[in-house]
Amino acid sequence: MRGQSRLDSFGSILAGVAHRLGLESKLFEARLRRQWPDIVGKPIAAHTRPDQIRFKKLYVLVHNSVWLQQLTFLKPVLLEKVNAMAGEPLVTEIVLRIGEVTADHSSTAEATADVEPPAIQPSPQLLREVTLHAQGIQDQALREHLVTLMAQALSQPEMPPRSARRSP
């Protein structure tokens, strides 16, 4: 019986940390939003936006009722494409809802990338927890960078879903 290898890949370490912190679905949601036009195609992506995943259901916002009706027939194909991108069946159902959809996904991502979020200091308790999760990383500089990155990400206030942020 062999012990754990000292040379774990960075991807496997991050996957383990994400699993222990319960961040897997959030990471998948972010990847899904980023790759949405590649998954569903640009014509559909122009009128839809993945909103959130809850209890293995992917909630997709759709521009209007015409698109909602059309996409109802494409649910099995979309579900297959989403799970193929995930590499495993993470989503069992797609729920379509009419909501606000931005016209250009790439310009939105670029605009938000230019805005520097305010620096929030992580709590000492969060720093200890993150440090414990990263203690298996041998390279000190890499470990410190990962601890800082995870602490910053976990210190950000959670934004409500875009559908809840609409102004009346």
C-alpha atoms as a PDB file:
ATOM      1  CA  MET A   1       0.000   0.000   0.000  1.00  0.00           C
ATOM      2  CA  ARG A   2       1.463   3.327  -1.078  1.00  0.00           C
ATOM      3  CA  GLY A   3       1.139   6.634   0.734  1.00  0.00           C
ATOM      4  CA  GLN A   4       0.072   9.867  -0.847  1.00  0.00           C
ATOM      5  CA  SER A   5       2.547  11.275  -3.352  1.00  0.00           C
ATOM      6  CA  ARG A   6       4.509  14.351  -2.300  1.00  0.00           C
ATOM      7  CA  LEU A   7       4.056  15.770  -5.784  1.00  0.00           C
ATOM      8  CA  ASP A   8       0.336  16.362  -6.114  1.00  0.00           C
ATOM      9  CA  SER A   9      -0.743  18.470  -9.052  1.00  0.00           C
ATOM     10  CA  PHE A  10      -1.901  21.990  -8.324  1.00  0.00           C
ATOM     11  CA  GLY A  11      -5.265  21.140  -9.895  1.00  0.00           C
ATOM     12  CA  SER A  12      -5.811  18.190  -7.567  1.00  0.00           C
ATOM     13  CA  ILE A  13      -4.877  20.316  -4.547  1.00  0.00           C
ATOM     14  CA  LEU A  14      -7.326  23.042  -5.581  1.00  0.00           C
ATOM     15  CA  ALA A  15     -10.026  20.467  -6.255  1.00  0.00           C
ATOM     16  CA  GLY A  16      -9.518  19.041  -2.771  1.00  0.00           C
ATOM     17  CA  VAL A  17      -9.630  22.469  -1.151  1.00  0.00           C
ATOM     18  CA  ALA A  18     -12.753  23.419  -3.113  1.00  0.00           C
ATOM     19  CA  HIS A  19     -14.408  20.160  -2.050  1.00  0.00           C
ATOM     20  CA  ARG A  20     -13.541  20.659   1.637  1.00  0.00           C
ATOM     21  CA  LEU A  21     -14.776  24.256   1.580  1.00  0.00           C
ATOM     22  CA  GLY A  22     -17.941  23.404  -0.367  1.00  0.00           C
ATOM     23  CA  LEU A  23     -17.001  25.621  -3.319  1.00  0.00           C
ATOM     24  CA  GLU A  24     -17.298  23.074  -6.131  1.00  0.00           C
ATOM     25  CA  SER A  25     -20.681  24.250  -7.399  1.00  0.00           C
ATOM     26  CA  LYS A  26     -19.646  27.928  -7.213  1.00  0.00           C
ATOM     27  CA  LEU A  27     -16.513  27.214  -9.234  1.00  0.00           C
ATOM     28  CA  PHE A  28     -18.561  25.254 -11.770  1.00  0.00           C
ATOM     29  CA  GLU A  29     -21.083  28.131 -11.996  1.00  0.00           C
ATOM     30  CA  ALA A  30     -18.273  30.593 -12.724  1.00  0.00           C
ATOM     31  CA  ARG A  31     -16.802  28.321 -15.394  1.00  0.00           C
ATOM     32  CA  LEU A  32     -20.274  27.807 -16.870  1.00  0.00           C
ATOM     33  CA  ARG A  33     -20.873  31.567 -17.125  1.00  0.00           C
ATOM     34  CA  ARG A  34     -17.469  32.106 -18.711  1.00  0.00           C
ATOM     35  CA  GLN A  35     -17.904  29.312 -21.290  1.00  0.00           C
ATOM     36  CA  TRP A  36     -21.657  29.717 -21.908  1.00  0.00           C
ATOM     37  CA  PRO A  37     -21.331  30.979 -25.526  1.00  0.00           C
ATOM     38  CA  ASP A  38     -19.040  28.036 -26.367  1.00  0.00           C
ATOM     39  CA  ILE A  39     -21.423  25.537 -24.779  1.00  0.00           C
ATOM     40  CA  VAL A  40     -24.745  26.677 -26.255  1.00  0.00           C
ATOM     41  CA  GLY A  41     -23.572  28.690 -29.258  1.00  0.00           C
ATOM     42  CA  LYS A  42     -23.534  32.455 -29.755  1.00  0.00           C
ATOM     43  CA  PRO A  43     -27.147  32.834 -30.996  1.00  0.00           C
ATOM     44  CA  ILE A  44     -28.573  31.163 -27.888  1.00  0.00           C
ATOM     45  CA  ALA A  45     -26.017  32.806 -25.568  1.00  0.00           C
ATOM     46  CA  ALA A  46     -27.107  36.236 -26.830  1.00  0.00           C
ATOM     47  CA  HIS A  47     -30.598  35.591 -25.401  1.00  0.00           C
ATOM     48  CA  THR A  48     -29.791  33.506 -22.311  1.00  0.00           C
ATOM     49  CA  ARG A  49     -27.580  33.544 -19.239  1.00  0.00           C
ATOM     50  CA  PRO A  50     -26.894  30.824 -16.670  1.00  0.00           C
ATOM     51  CA  ASP A  51     -27.999  32.182 -13.301  1.00  0.00           C
ATOM     52  CA  GLN A  52     -27.296  29.592 -10.619  1.00  0.00           C
ATOM     53  CA  ILE A  53     -27.155  25.904  -9.774  1.00  0.00           C
ATOM     54  CA  ARG A  54     -29.213  24.707  -6.825  1.00  0.00           C
ATOM     55  CA  PHE A  55     -29.818  21.076  -5.931  1.00  0.00           C
ATOM     56  CA  LYS A  56     -28.475  19.913  -9.316  1.00  0.00           C
ATOM     57  CA  LYS A  57     -30.867  22.244 -11.177  1.00  0.00           C
ATOM     58  CA  LEU A  58     -29.376  24.812 -13.530  1.00  0.00           C
ATOM     59  CA  TYR A  59     -31.452  28.001 -13.591  1.00  0.00           C
ATOM     60  CA  VAL A  60     -31.118  29.839 -16.901  1.00  0.00           C
ATOM     61  CA  LEU A  61     -32.444  33.342 -17.503  1.00  0.00           C
ATOM     62  CA  VAL A  62     -34.043  33.806 -20.909  1.00  0.00           C
ATOM     63  CA  HIS A  63     -34.690  37.085 -22.739  1.00  0.00           C
ATOM     64  CA  ASN A  64     -38.417  36.577 -23.424  1.00  0.00           C
ATOM     65  CA  SER A  65     -41.228  34.025 -23.643  1.00  0.00           C
ATOM     66  CA  VAL A  66     -40.504  33.220 -27.299  1.00  0.00           C
ATOM     67  CA  TRP A  67     -36.961  32.128 -26.434  1.00  0.00           C
ATOM     68  CA  LEU A  68     -38.231  30.312 -23.351  1.00  0.00           C
ATOM     69  CA  GLN A  69     -40.651  28.281 -25.479  1.00  0.00           C
ATOM     70  CA  GLN A  70     -37.990  27.477 -28.085  1.00  0.00           C
ATOM     71  CA  LEU A  71     -35.407  26.447 -25.475  1.00  0.00           C
ATOM     72  CA  THR A  72     -37.921  24.191 -23.745  1.00  0.00           C
ATOM     73  CA  PHE A  73     -37.512  21.829 -26.690  1.00  0.00           C
ATOM     74  CA  LEU A  74     -33.710  22.066 -26.503  1.00  0.00           C
ATOM     75  CA  LYS A  75     -33.401  21.241 -22.779  1.00  0.00           C
ATOM     76  CA  PRO A  76     -32.115  17.663 -23.307  1.00  0.00           C
ATOM     77  CA  VAL A  77     -29.403  18.865 -25.713  1.00  0.00           C
ATOM     78  CA  LEU A  78     -28.388  21.752 -23.432  1.00  0.00           C
ATOM     79  CA  LEU A  79     -28.286  19.427 -20.425  1.00  0.00           C
ATOM     80  CA  GLU A  80     -26.039  17.022 -22.294  1.00  0.00           C
ATOM     81  CA  LYS A  81     -23.668  19.839 -23.346  1.00  0.00           C
ATOM     82  CA  VAL A  82     -23.454  21.287 -19.820  1.00  0.00           C
ATOM     83  CA  ASN A  83     -22.675  17.893 -18.274  1.00  0.00           C
ATOM     84  CA  ALA A  84     -20.152  17.134 -21.019  1.00  0.00           C
ATOM     85  CA  MET A  85     -18.352  20.369 -20.133  1.00  0.00           C
ATOM     86  CA  ALA A  86     -18.408  19.373 -16.451  1.00  0.00           C
ATOM     87  CA  GLY A  87     -17.064  15.917 -17.203  1.00  0.00           C
ATOM     88  CA  GLU A  88     -19.713  14.354 -14.948  1.00  0.00           C
ATOM     89  CA  PRO A  89     -23.485  14.670 -14.488  1.00  0.00           C
ATOM     90  CA  LEU A  90     -23.545  17.708 -12.162  1.00  0.00           C
ATOM     91  CA  VAL A  91     -26.867  19.002 -13.487  1.00  0.00           C
ATOM     92  CA  THR A  92     -29.996  16.863 -13.707  1.00  0.00           C
ATOM     93  CA  GLU A  93     -32.495  19.510 -14.799  1.00  0.00           C
ATOM     94  CA  ILE A  94     -32.581  22.900 -16.519  1.00  0.00           C
ATOM     95  CA  VAL A  95     -35.129  25.453 -15.315  1.00  0.00           C
ATOM     96  CA  LEU A  96     -35.824  28.327 -17.683  1.00  0.00           C
ATOM     97  CA  ARG A  97     -36.999  31.697 -16.347  1.00  0.00           C
ATOM     98  CA  ILE A  98     -37.596  35.010 -18.046  1.00  0.00           C
ATOM     99  CA  GLY A  99     -35.137  37.593 -16.781  1.00  0.00           C
ATOM    100  CA  GLU A 100     -32.592  40.242 -17.625  1.00  0.00           C
ATOM    101  CA  VAL A 101     -29.960  39.011 -20.061  1.00  0.00           C
ATOM    102  CA  THR A 102     -26.987  41.119 -21.098  1.00  0.00           C
ATOM    103  CA  ALA A 103     -26.430  41.298 -24.840  1.00  0.00           C
ATOM    104  CA  ASP A 104     -22.675  40.659 -24.876  1.00  0.00           C
ATOM    105  CA  HIS A 105     -21.146  38.261 -22.341  1.00  0.00           C
ATOM    106  CA  SER A 106     -17.530  39.102 -23.221  1.00  0.00           C
ATOM    107  CA  SER A 107     -17.887  42.874 -22.791  1.00  0.00           C
ATOM    108  CA  THR A 108     -19.538  42.347 -19.402  1.00  0.00           C
ATOM    109  CA  ALA A 109     -16.685  40.122 -18.274  1.00  0.00           C
ATOM    110  CA  GLU A 110     -14.094  42.624 -19.519  1.00  0.00           C
ATOM    111  CA  ALA A 111     -15.864  45.548 -17.831  1.00  0.00           C
ATOM    112  CA  THR A 112     -16.003  43.776 -14.476  1.00  0.00           C
ATOM    113  CA  ALA A 113     -12.375  42.654 -14.809  1.00  0.00           C
ATOM    114  CA  ASP A 114     -11.242  46.304 -15.044  1.00  0.00           C
ATOM    115  CA  VAL A 115     -12.949  47.272 -11.784  1.00  0.00           C
ATOM    116  CA  GLU A 116     -10.784  46.563  -8.744  1.00  0.00           C
ATOM    117  CA  PRO A 117     -12.902  45.164  -5.893  1.00  0.00           C
ATOM    118  CA  PRO A 118     -12.382  46.811  -2.517  1.00  0.00           C
ATOM    119  CA  ALA A 119      -9.847  45.022  -0.328  1.00  0.00           C
ATOM    120  CA  ILE A 120     -11.502  43.234   2.569  1.00  0.00           C
ATOM    121  CA  GLN A 121      -9.402  41.935   5.429  1.00  0.00           C
ATOM    122  CA  PRO A 122     -10.122  38.267   6.188  1.00  0.00           C
ATOM    123  CA  SER A 123     -10.822  37.340   9.794  1.00  0.00           C
ATOM    124  CA  PRO A 124      -8.089  35.586  11.803  1.00  0.00           C
ATOM    125  CA  GLN A 125     -10.344  32.509  12.048  1.00  0.00           C
ATOM    126  CA  LEU A 126     -10.696  32.353   8.248  1.00  0.00           C
ATOM    127  CA  LEU A 127      -6.929  32.754   7.824  1.00  0.00           C
ATOM    128  CA  ARG A 128      -6.304  29.852  10.228  1.00  0.00           C
ATOM    129  CA  GLU A 129      -8.804  27.624   8.401  1.00  0.00           C
ATOM    130  CA  VAL A 130      -7.384  28.424   4.983  1.00  0.00           C
ATOM    131  CA  THR A 131      -3.826  27.908   6.262  1.00  0.00           C
ATOM    132  CA  LEU A 132      -4.819  24.460   7.568  1.00  0.00           C
ATOM    133  CA  HIS A 133      -6.208  23.512   4.154  1.00  0.00           C
ATOM    134  CA  ALA A 134      -2.999  24.599   2.403  1.00  0.00           C
ATOM    135  CA  GLN A 135      -0.511  23.103   4.847  1.00  0.00           C
ATOM    136  CA  GLY A 136       0.182  20.105   2.589  1.00  0.00           C
ATOM    137  CA  ILE A 137       1.751  22.318  -0.088  1.00  0.00           C
ATOM    138  CA  GLN A 138       5.527  22.030   0.201  1.00  0.00           C
ATOM    139  CA  ASP A 139       6.526  25.193  -1.700  1.00  0.00           C
ATOM    140  CA  GLN A 140       6.275  28.021   0.859  1.00  0.00           C
ATOM    141  CA  ALA A 141       5.788  30.830  -1.689  1.00  0.00           C
ATOM    142  CA  LEU A 142       3.064  28.884  -3.468  1.00  0.00           C
ATOM    143  CA  ARG A 143       1.394  27.992  -0.151  1.00  0.00           C
ATOM    144  CA  GLU A 144       1.412  31.640   1.007  1.00  0.00           C
ATOM    145  CA  HIS A 145       0.036  32.844  -2.324  1.00  0.00           C
ATOM    146  CA  LEU A 146      -2.729  30.229  -2.264  1.00  0.00           C
ATOM    147  CA  VAL A 147      -3.648  31.111   1.349  1.00  0.00           C
ATOM    148  CA  THR A 148      -3.873  34.804   0.419  1.00  0.00           C
ATOM    149  CA  LEU A 149      -5.937  34.074  -2.680  1.00  0.00           C
ATOM    150  CA  MET A 150      -8.384  31.756  -0.894  1.00  0.00           C
ATOM    151  CA  ALA A 151      -8.745  34.135   2.077  1.00  0.00           C
ATOM    152  CA  GLN A 152      -9.530  37.046  -0.245  1.00  0.00           C
ATOM    153  CA  ALA A 153     -12.048  35.009  -2.236  1.00  0.00           C
ATOM    154  CA  LEU A 154     -13.812  33.740   0.858  1.00  0.00           C
ATOM    155  CA  SER A 155     -13.872  37.202   2.466  1.00  0.00           C
ATOM    156  CA  GLN A 156     -15.851  38.748  -0.384  1.00  0.00           C
ATOM    157  CA  PRO A 157     -19.476  39.384   0.555  1.00  0.00           C
ATOM    158  CA  GLU A 158     -21.792  37.051  -1.306  1.00  0.00           C
ATOM    159  CA  MET A 159     -23.797  38.893  -3.922  1.00  0.00           C
ATOM    160  CA  PRO A 160     -27.466  38.008  -4.310  1.00  0.00           C
ATOM    161  CA  PRO A 161     -28.408  36.428  -7.649  1.00  0.00           C
ATOM    162  CA  ARG A 162     -28.786  39.001 -10.421  1.00  0.00           C
ATOM    163  CA  SER A 163     -32.519  38.353 -10.597  1.00  0.00           C
ATOM    164  CA  ALA A 164     -32.855  39.524  -6.959  1.00  0.00           C
ATOM    165  CA  ARG A 165     -30.830  42.701  -7.624  1.00  0.00           C
ATOM    166  CA  ARG A 166     -33.241  44.205 -10.161  1.00  0.00           C
ATOM    167  CA  SER A 167     -34.522  47.660  -9.381  1.00  0.00           C
ATOM    168  CA  PRO A 168     -38.291  48.201  -9.556  1.00  0.00           C
END
